[in-house]
Amino acid sequence: MTKATQHNGTAPSFNRRYDPFRRADWRWQRARALITAGSRPDRYDDPQTRAIYGNLKLIAPTATSGQSSVQSWPELEAAHRLRVSGGVLTDEIEARLLAGENFDSIAGRTGVASAVVRAYEAVFFNVADALSSRDWLLFTALRVQTWSLVLKQAKFFRNLAALFSADRDVP
């Protein structure tokens, strides 16, 4: 195996943006895998992945002290706190991203800075460029695990639609 074809132990990233099996937090996972493997971003890593990698490298020496040293992308630290805390606010931001709302609108409705919402979408919930990919959204972003659940939900909504159908006489 030549040096050009050697694998550095991390998954190649050149196709992650278009990978139908990618996770919504693929950039975060890629940067963490690079750090864990002791590798560096390659030429195929996008600017956001490189920025996450750089910020994680800054945090790594002080991670044991509990202090954060993220200086170059402070919105990433705020987005990470949002991700770790979870809860209703995170769910609302994710729901609004899935609904296709723009970052400024989400910021206005949730009280979270637009730059933080943008960072959260880019790093932890990258769905904006895949809103037309319903299968991917269903199984990856929304984490529906089985078709049986999907079919049960579809049957429920079909029955609900029939119940409130315009063809039905409403008293």
N, C-alpha and C. Protein backbone atom coordinates (compact mmCIF):
# COMPACT_ATOMS: atom_id res chain seq x y z
N MET A 1 0.86 -1.18 0.00
CA MET A 1 0.00 0.00 0.00
C MET A 1 0.90 1.24 0.00
N THR A 2 0.68 2.13 -0.93
CA THR A 2 1.49 3.34 -1.00
C THR A 2 0.99 4.36 0.00
N LYS A 3 1.83 5.34 0.26
CA LYS A 3 1.46 6.40 1.21
C LYS A 3 0.17 7.10 0.77
N ALA A 4 -0.01 7.26 -0.52
CA ALA A 4 -1.19 7.97 -1.04
C ALA A 4 -2.47 7.19 -0.78
N THR A 5 -2.39 5.86 -0.67
CA THR A 5 -3.59 5.08 -0.47
C THR A 5 -3.78 4.61 0.96
N GLN A 6 -2.87 4.96 1.87
CA GLN A 6 -3.02 4.56 3.26
C GLN A 6 -4.20 5.27 3.90
N HIS A 7 -4.83 4.55 4.80
CA HIS A 7 -5.99 5.09 5.50
C HIS A 7 -5.54 5.50 6.90
N ASN A 8 -5.92 6.70 7.35
CA ASN A 8 -5.46 7.18 8.64
C ASN A 8 -6.33 6.73 9.81
N GLY A 9 -7.23 5.78 9.59
CA GLY A 9 -8.04 5.26 10.69
C GLY A 9 -9.37 5.97 10.89
N THR A 10 -9.61 7.04 10.17
CA THR A 10 -10.90 7.72 10.26
C THR A 10 -11.61 7.59 8.93
N ALA A 11 -12.90 7.67 8.96
CA ALA A 11 -13.68 7.54 7.73
C ALA A 11 -13.39 8.72 6.81
N PRO A 12 -13.27 8.46 5.51
CA PRO A 12 -13.04 9.58 4.59
C PRO A 12 -14.24 10.52 4.60
N SER A 13 -13.95 11.79 4.51
CA SER A 13 -15.01 12.79 4.65
C SER A 13 -15.45 13.41 3.34
N PHE A 14 -14.77 13.10 2.25
CA PHE A 14 -15.07 13.80 1.01
C PHE A 14 -16.50 13.62 0.55
N ASN A 15 -17.16 12.55 0.95
CA ASN A 15 -18.52 12.32 0.51
C ASN A 15 -19.54 12.46 1.63
N ARG A 16 -19.15 12.90 2.79
CA ARG A 16 -20.07 12.96 3.92
C ARG A 16 -21.26 13.88 3.66
N ARG A 17 -21.03 14.99 3.02
CA ARG A 17 -22.12 15.92 2.77
C ARG A 17 -23.23 15.27 1.95
N TYR A 18 -22.87 14.34 1.08
CA TYR A 18 -23.84 13.71 0.20
C TYR A 18 -24.12 12.25 0.56
N ASP A 19 -23.62 11.81 1.69
CA ASP A 19 -23.79 10.43 2.14
C ASP A 19 -25.21 10.24 2.68
N PRO A 20 -25.99 9.32 2.12
CA PRO A 20 -27.36 9.15 2.61
C PRO A 20 -27.43 8.55 4.02
N PHE A 21 -26.32 8.03 4.52
CA PHE A 21 -26.30 7.43 5.85
C PHE A 21 -25.62 8.33 6.89
N ARG A 22 -25.30 9.55 6.51
CA ARG A 22 -24.63 10.45 7.45
C ARG A 22 -25.55 10.82 8.60
N ARG A 23 -24.94 11.09 9.72
CA ARG A 23 -25.71 11.54 10.88
C ARG A 23 -25.89 13.04 10.80
N ALA A 24 -26.85 13.57 11.53
CA ALA A 24 -27.10 15.01 11.52
C ALA A 24 -25.93 15.77 12.14
N ASP A 25 -25.17 15.12 13.01
CA ASP A 25 -24.01 15.76 13.64
C ASP A 25 -22.70 15.27 13.03
N TRP A 26 -22.68 15.01 11.73
CA TRP A 26 -21.54 14.40 11.06
C TRP A 26 -20.27 15.23 11.19
N ARG A 27 -20.37 16.53 11.17
CA ARG A 27 -19.16 17.35 11.29
C ARG A 27 -18.54 17.20 12.68
N TRP A 28 -19.38 17.20 13.71
CA TRP A 28 -18.90 17.03 15.08
C TRP A 28 -18.25 15.65 15.23
N GLN A 29 -18.90 14.62 14.70
CA GLN A 29 -18.36 13.26 14.79
C GLN A 29 -17.03 13.14 14.04
N ARG A 30 -16.96 13.76 12.88
CA ARG A 30 -15.72 13.71 12.09
C ARG A 30 -14.57 14.38 12.84
N ALA A 31 -14.80 15.56 13.39
CA ALA A 31 -13.75 16.28 14.12
C ALA A 31 -13.31 15.48 15.35
N ARG A 32 -14.26 14.90 16.07
CA ARG A 32 -13.91 14.10 17.25
C ARG A 32 -13.13 12.85 16.85
N ALA A 33 -13.50 12.22 15.73
CA ALA A 33 -12.77 11.04 15.26
C ALA A 33 -11.34 11.40 14.89
N LEU A 34 -11.15 12.55 14.28
CA LEU A 34 -9.80 13.00 13.93
C LEU A 34 -8.95 13.21 15.19
N ILE A 35 -9.54 13.86 16.19
CA ILE A 35 -8.82 14.11 17.45
C ILE A 35 -8.46 12.78 18.11
N THR A 36 -9.44 11.88 18.19
CA THR A 36 -9.21 10.59 18.84
C THR A 36 -8.11 9.80 18.14
N ALA A 37 -8.11 9.84 16.81
CA ALA A 37 -7.11 9.09 16.03
C ALA A 37 -5.77 9.81 15.96
N GLY A 38 -5.73 11.03 16.47
CA GLY A 38 -4.48 11.79 16.38
C GLY A 38 -4.19 12.26 14.97
N SER A 39 -5.23 12.40 14.17
CA SER A 39 -5.08 12.81 12.78
C SER A 39 -5.44 14.28 12.62
N ARG A 40 -5.26 14.74 11.40
CA ARG A 40 -5.61 16.12 11.07
C ARG A 40 -6.64 16.10 9.95
N PRO A 41 -7.38 17.19 9.78
CA PRO A 41 -8.33 17.25 8.66
C PRO A 41 -7.60 17.09 7.33
N ASP A 42 -8.27 16.48 6.38
CA ASP A 42 -7.66 16.34 5.06
C ASP A 42 -8.24 17.38 4.12
N ARG A 43 -7.82 17.34 2.89
CA ARG A 43 -8.24 18.37 1.92
C ARG A 43 -9.73 18.31 1.61
N TYR A 44 -10.38 17.20 1.92
CA TYR A 44 -11.79 17.06 1.63
C TYR A 44 -12.69 17.58 2.75
N ASP A 45 -12.14 17.84 3.92
CA ASP A 45 -12.94 18.35 5.03
C ASP A 45 -13.36 19.79 4.74
N ASP A 46 -14.61 20.08 5.00
CA ASP A 46 -15.11 21.43 4.72
C ASP A 46 -14.65 22.41 5.81
N PRO A 47 -14.82 23.71 5.57
CA PRO A 47 -14.34 24.71 6.53
C PRO A 47 -14.95 24.57 7.93
N GLN A 48 -16.22 24.18 8.02
CA GLN A 48 -16.84 24.03 9.34
C GLN A 48 -16.20 22.88 10.12
N THR A 49 -15.93 21.77 9.44
CA THR A 49 -15.29 20.64 10.11
C THR A 49 -13.89 21.03 10.57
N ARG A 50 -13.18 21.77 9.76
CA ARG A 50 -11.84 22.24 10.16
C ARG A 50 -11.93 23.18 11.36
N ALA A 51 -12.94 24.05 11.38
CA ALA A 51 -13.11 24.97 12.51
C ALA A 51 -13.45 24.21 13.79
N ILE A 52 -14.32 23.20 13.68
CA ILE A 52 -14.66 22.39 14.85
C ILE A 52 -13.41 21.68 15.36
N TYR A 53 -12.66 21.10 14.44
CA TYR A 53 -11.41 20.41 14.79
C TYR A 53 -10.47 21.37 15.53
N GLY A 54 -10.30 22.57 14.99
CA GLY A 54 -9.42 23.55 15.61
C GLY A 54 -9.88 23.94 17.01
N ASN A 55 -11.18 24.10 17.17
CA ASN A 55 -11.71 24.45 18.48
C ASN A 55 -11.60 23.30 19.47
N LEU A 56 -11.81 22.08 19.01
CA LEU A 56 -11.64 20.93 19.89
C LEU A 56 -10.19 20.78 20.31
N LYS A 57 -9.27 21.08 19.41
CA LYS A 57 -7.85 21.04 19.76
C LYS A 57 -7.53 22.09 20.82
N LEU A 58 -8.21 23.25 20.75
CA LEU A 58 -8.01 24.28 21.77
C LEU A 58 -8.55 23.83 23.13
N ILE A 59 -9.69 23.13 23.11
CA ILE A 59 -10.34 22.71 24.36
C ILE A 59 -9.58 21.56 25.00
N ALA A 60 -9.04 20.66 24.19
CA ALA A 60 -8.45 19.42 24.70
C ALA A 60 -7.47 19.61 25.86
N PRO A 61 -6.51 20.55 25.80
CA PRO A 61 -5.57 20.67 26.92
C PRO A 61 -6.23 21.12 28.22
N THR A 62 -7.34 21.86 28.14
CA THR A 62 -7.96 22.37 29.37
C THR A 62 -9.23 21.63 29.75
N ALA A 63 -9.53 20.55 29.03
CA ALA A 63 -10.77 19.82 29.29
C ALA A 63 -10.80 19.25 30.71
N THR A 64 -9.66 18.86 31.23
CA THR A 64 -9.63 18.27 32.57
C THR A 64 -9.82 19.33 33.65
N SER A 65 -9.46 20.57 33.36
CA SER A 65 -9.60 21.63 34.36
C SER A 65 -11.02 22.19 34.41
N GLY A 66 -11.84 21.83 33.41
CA GLY A 66 -13.22 22.32 33.37
C GLY A 66 -13.34 23.71 32.78
N GLN A 67 -12.22 24.29 32.37
CA GLN A 67 -12.25 25.62 31.76
C GLN A 67 -12.33 25.47 30.25
N SER A 68 -13.01 26.41 29.64
CA SER A 68 -13.13 26.39 28.19
C SER A 68 -12.22 27.46 27.61
N SER A 69 -11.57 27.11 26.52
CA SER A 69 -10.68 28.08 25.90
C SER A 69 -11.08 28.35 24.45
N VAL A 70 -12.35 28.17 24.13
CA VAL A 70 -12.80 28.40 22.77
C VAL A 70 -12.82 29.90 22.52
N GLN A 71 -11.92 30.35 21.68
CA GLN A 71 -11.84 31.77 21.38
C GLN A 71 -12.19 32.05 19.92
N SER A 72 -11.85 31.14 19.02
CA SER A 72 -12.02 31.44 17.61
C SER A 72 -13.45 31.24 17.10
N TRP A 73 -14.26 30.45 17.79
CA TRP A 73 -15.65 30.25 17.38
C TRP A 73 -16.51 30.15 18.65
N PRO A 74 -16.77 31.29 19.31
CA PRO A 74 -17.52 31.25 20.56
C PRO A 74 -18.95 30.72 20.40
N GLU A 75 -19.52 30.87 19.20
CA GLU A 75 -20.86 30.35 18.96
C GLU A 75 -20.89 28.83 19.07
N LEU A 76 -19.76 28.18 18.75
CA LEU A 76 -19.68 26.73 18.88
C LEU A 76 -19.83 26.31 20.33
N GLU A 77 -19.21 27.04 21.23
CA GLU A 77 -19.34 26.72 22.66
C GLU A 77 -20.80 26.86 23.10
N ALA A 78 -21.47 27.92 22.67
CA ALA A 78 -22.88 28.12 23.03
C ALA A 78 -23.75 27.03 22.41
N ALA A 79 -23.46 26.65 21.16
CA ALA A 79 -24.22 25.59 20.50
C ALA A 79 -24.00 24.26 21.21
N HIS A 80 -22.78 24.02 21.66
CA HIS A 80 -22.48 22.78 22.39
C HIS A 80 -23.23 22.75 23.72
N ARG A 81 -23.28 23.86 24.41
CA ARG A 81 -24.06 23.92 25.67
C ARG A 81 -25.53 23.62 25.39
N LEU A 82 -26.04 24.14 24.29
CA LEU A 82 -27.43 23.88 23.90
C LEU A 82 -27.63 22.39 23.64
N ARG A 83 -26.70 21.77 22.94
CA ARG A 83 -26.79 20.35 22.63
C ARG A 83 -26.74 19.49 23.90
N VAL A 84 -25.81 19.82 24.80
CA VAL A 84 -25.64 19.03 26.02
C VAL A 84 -26.84 19.19 26.95
N SER A 85 -27.37 20.40 27.04
CA SER A 85 -28.49 20.65 27.95
C SER A 85 -29.78 20.01 27.45
N GLY A 86 -29.93 19.89 26.13
CA GLY A 86 -31.15 19.28 25.58
C GLY A 86 -32.38 20.07 25.98
N GLY A 87 -33.48 19.38 26.18
CA GLY A 87 -34.69 20.03 26.66
C GLY A 87 -35.54 20.65 25.59
N VAL A 88 -36.52 21.41 26.05
CA VAL A 88 -37.54 21.99 25.18
C VAL A 88 -36.93 22.98 24.19
N LEU A 89 -36.00 23.81 24.63
CA LEU A 89 -35.40 24.81 23.74
C LEU A 89 -34.68 24.13 22.57
N THR A 90 -33.90 23.11 22.85
CA THR A 90 -33.20 22.38 21.80
C THR A 90 -34.21 21.72 20.86
N ASP A 91 -35.24 21.11 21.43
CA ASP A 91 -36.27 20.47 20.60
C ASP A 91 -36.96 21.49 19.70
N GLU A 92 -37.23 22.68 20.25
CA GLU A 92 -37.89 23.72 19.45
C GLU A 92 -37.00 24.18 18.31
N ILE A 93 -35.72 24.38 18.59
CA ILE A 93 -34.79 24.81 17.54
C ILE A 93 -34.72 23.74 16.45
N GLU A 94 -34.62 22.47 16.84
CA GLU A 94 -34.55 21.39 15.85
C GLU A 94 -35.85 21.32 15.04
N ALA A 95 -36.98 21.47 15.70
CA ALA A 95 -38.27 21.43 14.99
C ALA A 95 -38.36 22.58 13.99
N ARG A 96 -37.93 23.75 14.39
CA ARG A 96 -37.99 24.91 13.48
C ARG A 96 -37.01 24.75 12.32
N LEU A 97 -35.85 24.15 12.57
CA LEU A 97 -34.92 23.86 11.48
C LEU A 97 -35.55 22.86 10.51
N LEU A 98 -36.22 21.84 11.04
CA LEU A 98 -36.89 20.86 10.18
C LEU A 98 -38.03 21.48 9.40
N ALA A 99 -38.65 22.51 9.95
CA ALA A 99 -39.74 23.20 9.27
C ALA A 99 -39.23 24.16 8.19
N GLY A 100 -37.91 24.33 8.13
CA GLY A 100 -37.32 25.18 7.10
C GLY A 100 -37.28 26.65 7.44
N GLU A 101 -37.46 26.99 8.70
CA GLU A 101 -37.39 28.40 9.10
C GLU A 101 -35.95 28.89 8.97
N ASN A 102 -35.80 30.19 8.69
CA ASN A 102 -34.44 30.73 8.59
C ASN A 102 -33.88 31.01 9.99
N PHE A 103 -32.59 31.19 10.05
CA PHE A 103 -31.90 31.33 11.34
C PHE A 103 -32.36 32.55 12.12
N ASP A 104 -32.59 33.66 11.43
CA ASP A 104 -33.02 34.88 12.12
C ASP A 104 -34.41 34.71 12.72
N SER A 105 -35.29 34.04 12.01
CA SER A 105 -36.64 33.79 12.53
C SER A 105 -36.58 32.90 13.76
N ILE A 106 -35.78 31.85 13.71
CA ILE A 106 -35.63 30.95 14.86
C ILE A 106 -35.06 31.72 16.04
N ALA A 107 -34.07 32.55 15.77
CA ALA A 107 -33.46 33.34 16.84
C ALA A 107 -34.49 34.27 17.49
N GLY A 108 -35.31 34.91 16.67
CA GLY A 108 -36.33 35.81 17.20
C GLY A 108 -37.38 35.11 18.04
N ARG A 109 -37.71 33.89 17.67
CA ARG A 109 -38.75 33.15 18.39
C ARG A 109 -38.23 32.43 19.64
N THR A 110 -36.93 32.10 19.65
CA THR A 110 -36.40 31.33 20.78
C THR A 110 -35.54 32.14 21.73
N GLY A 111 -35.07 33.30 21.28
CA GLY A 111 -34.20 34.10 22.12
C GLY A 111 -32.74 33.68 22.08
N VAL A 112 -32.41 32.73 21.21
CA VAL A 112 -31.03 32.28 21.03
C VAL A 112 -30.45 33.07 19.86
N ALA A 113 -29.23 33.54 19.99
CA ALA A 113 -28.61 34.35 18.95
C ALA A 113 -28.59 33.61 17.61
N SER A 114 -28.79 34.35 16.53
CA SER A 114 -28.83 33.78 15.19
C SER A 114 -27.54 33.03 14.87
N ALA A 115 -26.41 33.58 15.27
CA ALA A 115 -25.12 32.93 15.00
C ALA A 115 -25.01 31.60 15.74
N VAL A 116 -25.61 31.50 16.91
CA VAL A 116 -25.59 30.25 17.68
C VAL A 116 -26.50 29.22 17.00
N VAL A 117 -27.66 29.65 16.52
CA VAL A 117 -28.57 28.75 15.80
C VAL A 117 -27.88 28.24 14.54
N ARG A 118 -27.19 29.13 13.83
CA ARG A 118 -26.47 28.74 12.62
C ARG A 118 -25.37 27.73 12.95
N ALA A 119 -24.64 27.96 14.03
CA ALA A 119 -23.59 27.02 14.45
C ALA A 119 -24.19 25.70 14.88
N TYR A 120 -25.31 25.73 15.59
CA TYR A 120 -25.96 24.50 16.02
C TYR A 120 -26.38 23.66 14.82
N GLU A 121 -26.95 24.32 13.81
CA GLU A 121 -27.37 23.60 12.61
C GLU A 121 -26.17 23.02 11.88
N ALA A 122 -25.11 23.79 11.74
CA ALA A 122 -23.93 23.33 11.00
C ALA A 122 -23.22 22.18 11.69
N VAL A 123 -23.21 22.20 13.03
CA VAL A 123 -22.40 21.24 13.78
C VAL A 123 -23.19 20.06 14.31
N PHE A 124 -24.36 20.30 14.89
CA PHE A 124 -25.08 19.26 15.60
C PHE A 124 -26.37 18.77 14.94
N PHE A 125 -26.93 19.57 14.04
CA PHE A 125 -28.21 19.20 13.45
C PHE A 125 -28.26 19.69 12.02
N ASN A 126 -27.35 19.20 11.19
CA ASN A 126 -27.18 19.67 9.82
C ASN A 126 -28.26 19.10 8.91
N VAL A 127 -29.41 19.78 8.88
CA VAL A 127 -30.56 19.31 8.11
C VAL A 127 -31.01 20.30 7.04
N ALA A 128 -30.52 21.52 7.08
CA ALA A 128 -31.03 22.56 6.18
C ALA A 128 -30.88 22.20 4.72
N ASP A 129 -29.79 21.52 4.36
CA ASP A 129 -29.58 21.17 2.96
C ASP A 129 -30.23 19.84 2.58
N ALA A 130 -30.95 19.21 3.51
CA ALA A 130 -31.55 17.91 3.24
C ALA A 130 -33.05 17.88 3.50
N LEU A 131 -33.69 19.03 3.53
CA LEU A 131 -35.11 19.07 3.86
C LEU A 131 -36.00 18.37 2.85
N SER A 132 -35.52 18.20 1.63
CA SER A 132 -36.32 17.49 0.63
C SER A 132 -36.06 15.98 0.65
N SER A 133 -35.12 15.54 1.45
CA SER A 133 -34.78 14.11 1.56
C SER A 133 -35.57 13.50 2.70
N ARG A 134 -36.81 13.18 2.44
CA ARG A 134 -37.72 12.74 3.51
C ARG A 134 -37.29 11.45 4.18
N ASP A 135 -36.78 10.50 3.42
CA ASP A 135 -36.33 9.25 4.04
C ASP A 135 -35.19 9.50 5.00
N TRP A 136 -34.21 10.30 4.55
CA TRP A 136 -33.08 10.61 5.42
C TRP A 136 -33.55 11.33 6.68
N LEU A 137 -34.44 12.30 6.53
CA LEU A 137 -34.95 13.02 7.70
C LEU A 137 -35.66 12.07 8.66
N LEU A 138 -36.45 11.18 8.12
CA LEU A 138 -37.23 10.26 8.94
C LEU A 138 -36.33 9.32 9.74
N PHE A 139 -35.37 8.72 9.08
CA PHE A 139 -34.57 7.69 9.75
C PHE A 139 -33.32 8.22 10.43
N THR A 140 -32.80 9.34 10.00
CA THR A 140 -31.56 9.84 10.58
C THR A 140 -31.81 11.02 11.50
N ALA A 141 -32.44 12.06 11.00
CA ALA A 141 -32.65 13.25 11.82
C ALA A 141 -33.69 13.00 12.91
N LEU A 142 -34.80 12.35 12.55
CA LEU A 142 -35.86 12.09 13.52
C LEU A 142 -35.67 10.76 14.25
N ARG A 143 -34.74 9.95 13.78
CA ARG A 143 -34.37 8.69 14.42
C ARG A 143 -35.51 7.69 14.56
N VAL A 144 -36.37 7.60 13.55
CA VAL A 144 -37.40 6.57 13.52
C VAL A 144 -36.69 5.27 13.15
N GLN A 145 -36.84 4.24 13.96
CA GLN A 145 -36.02 3.04 13.80
C GLN A 145 -36.61 1.96 12.90
N THR A 146 -37.91 1.84 12.84
CA THR A 146 -38.47 0.74 12.08
C THR A 146 -39.59 1.21 11.17
N TRP A 147 -39.76 0.49 10.07
CA TRP A 147 -40.84 0.79 9.15
C TRP A 147 -42.20 0.52 9.79
N SER A 148 -42.25 -0.43 10.72
CA SER A 148 -43.55 -0.73 11.33
C SER A 148 -44.10 0.49 12.06
N LEU A 149 -43.23 1.23 12.71
CA LEU A 149 -43.67 2.45 13.37
C LEU A 149 -44.16 3.48 12.35
N VAL A 150 -43.44 3.58 11.26
CA VAL A 150 -43.84 4.51 10.20
C VAL A 150 -45.21 4.12 9.65
N LEU A 151 -45.40 2.83 9.41
CA LEU A 151 -46.68 2.37 8.85
C LEU A 151 -47.82 2.58 9.84
N LYS A 152 -47.57 2.36 11.14
CA LYS A 152 -48.59 2.61 12.15
C LYS A 152 -48.97 4.09 12.18
N GLN A 153 -47.94 4.96 12.12
CA GLN A 153 -48.21 6.40 12.12
C GLN A 153 -48.96 6.80 10.85
N ALA A 154 -48.58 6.24 9.71
CA ALA A 154 -49.25 6.56 8.45
C ALA A 154 -50.71 6.13 8.51
N LYS A 155 -50.96 4.94 9.05
CA LYS A 155 -52.34 4.45 9.18
C LYS A 155 -53.14 5.36 10.11
N PHE A 156 -52.52 5.78 11.21
CA PHE A 156 -53.19 6.68 12.15
C PHE A 156 -53.59 7.98 11.45
N PHE A 157 -52.65 8.60 10.72
CA PHE A 157 -52.95 9.87 10.07
C PHE A 157 -53.94 9.70 8.91
N ARG A 158 -53.89 8.55 8.23
CA ARG A 158 -54.86 8.29 7.17
C ARG A 158 -56.27 8.19 7.76
N ASN A 159 -56.38 7.47 8.90
CA ASN A 159 -57.67 7.36 9.58
C ASN A 159 -58.14 8.71 10.12
N LEU A 160 -57.21 9.49 10.63
CA LEU A 160 -57.54 10.82 11.13
C LEU A 160 -58.04 11.71 10.00
N ALA A 161 -57.37 11.63 8.86
CA ALA A 161 -57.79 12.42 7.69
C ALA A 161 -59.18 11.99 7.22
N ALA A 162 -59.43 10.69 7.24
CA ALA A 162 -60.75 10.19 6.83
C ALA A 162 -61.83 10.67 7.80
N LEU A 163 -61.48 10.72 9.07
CA LEU A 163 -62.43 11.16 10.08
C LEU A 163 -62.85 12.61 9.84
N PHE A 164 -61.89 13.45 9.45
CA PHE A 164 -62.18 14.87 9.27
C PHE A 164 -62.25 15.26 7.80
N SER A 165 -62.54 14.30 6.97
CA SER A 165 -62.59 14.52 5.54
C SER A 165 -63.72 15.51 5.17
N ALA A 166 -63.51 16.23 4.10
CA ALA A 166 -64.52 17.18 3.62
C ALA A 166 -65.74 16.44 3.07
N ASP A 167 -65.55 15.17 2.67
CA ASP A 167 -66.65 14.38 2.13
C ASP A 167 -67.66 13.98 3.21
N ARG A 168 -67.25 14.04 4.42
CA ARG A 168 -68.09 13.60 5.53
C ARG A 168 -69.04 14.72 5.93
N ASP A 169 -70.26 14.36 6.28
CA ASP A 169 -71.22 15.35 6.75
C ASP A 169 -70.83 15.82 8.14
N VAL A 170 -70.68 17.11 8.27
CA VAL A 170 -70.32 17.66 9.58
C VAL A 170 -71.56 18.29 10.17
N PRO A 171 -71.92 17.89 11.42
CA PRO A 171 -73.14 18.45 12.02
C PRO A 171 -73.03 19.92 12.31
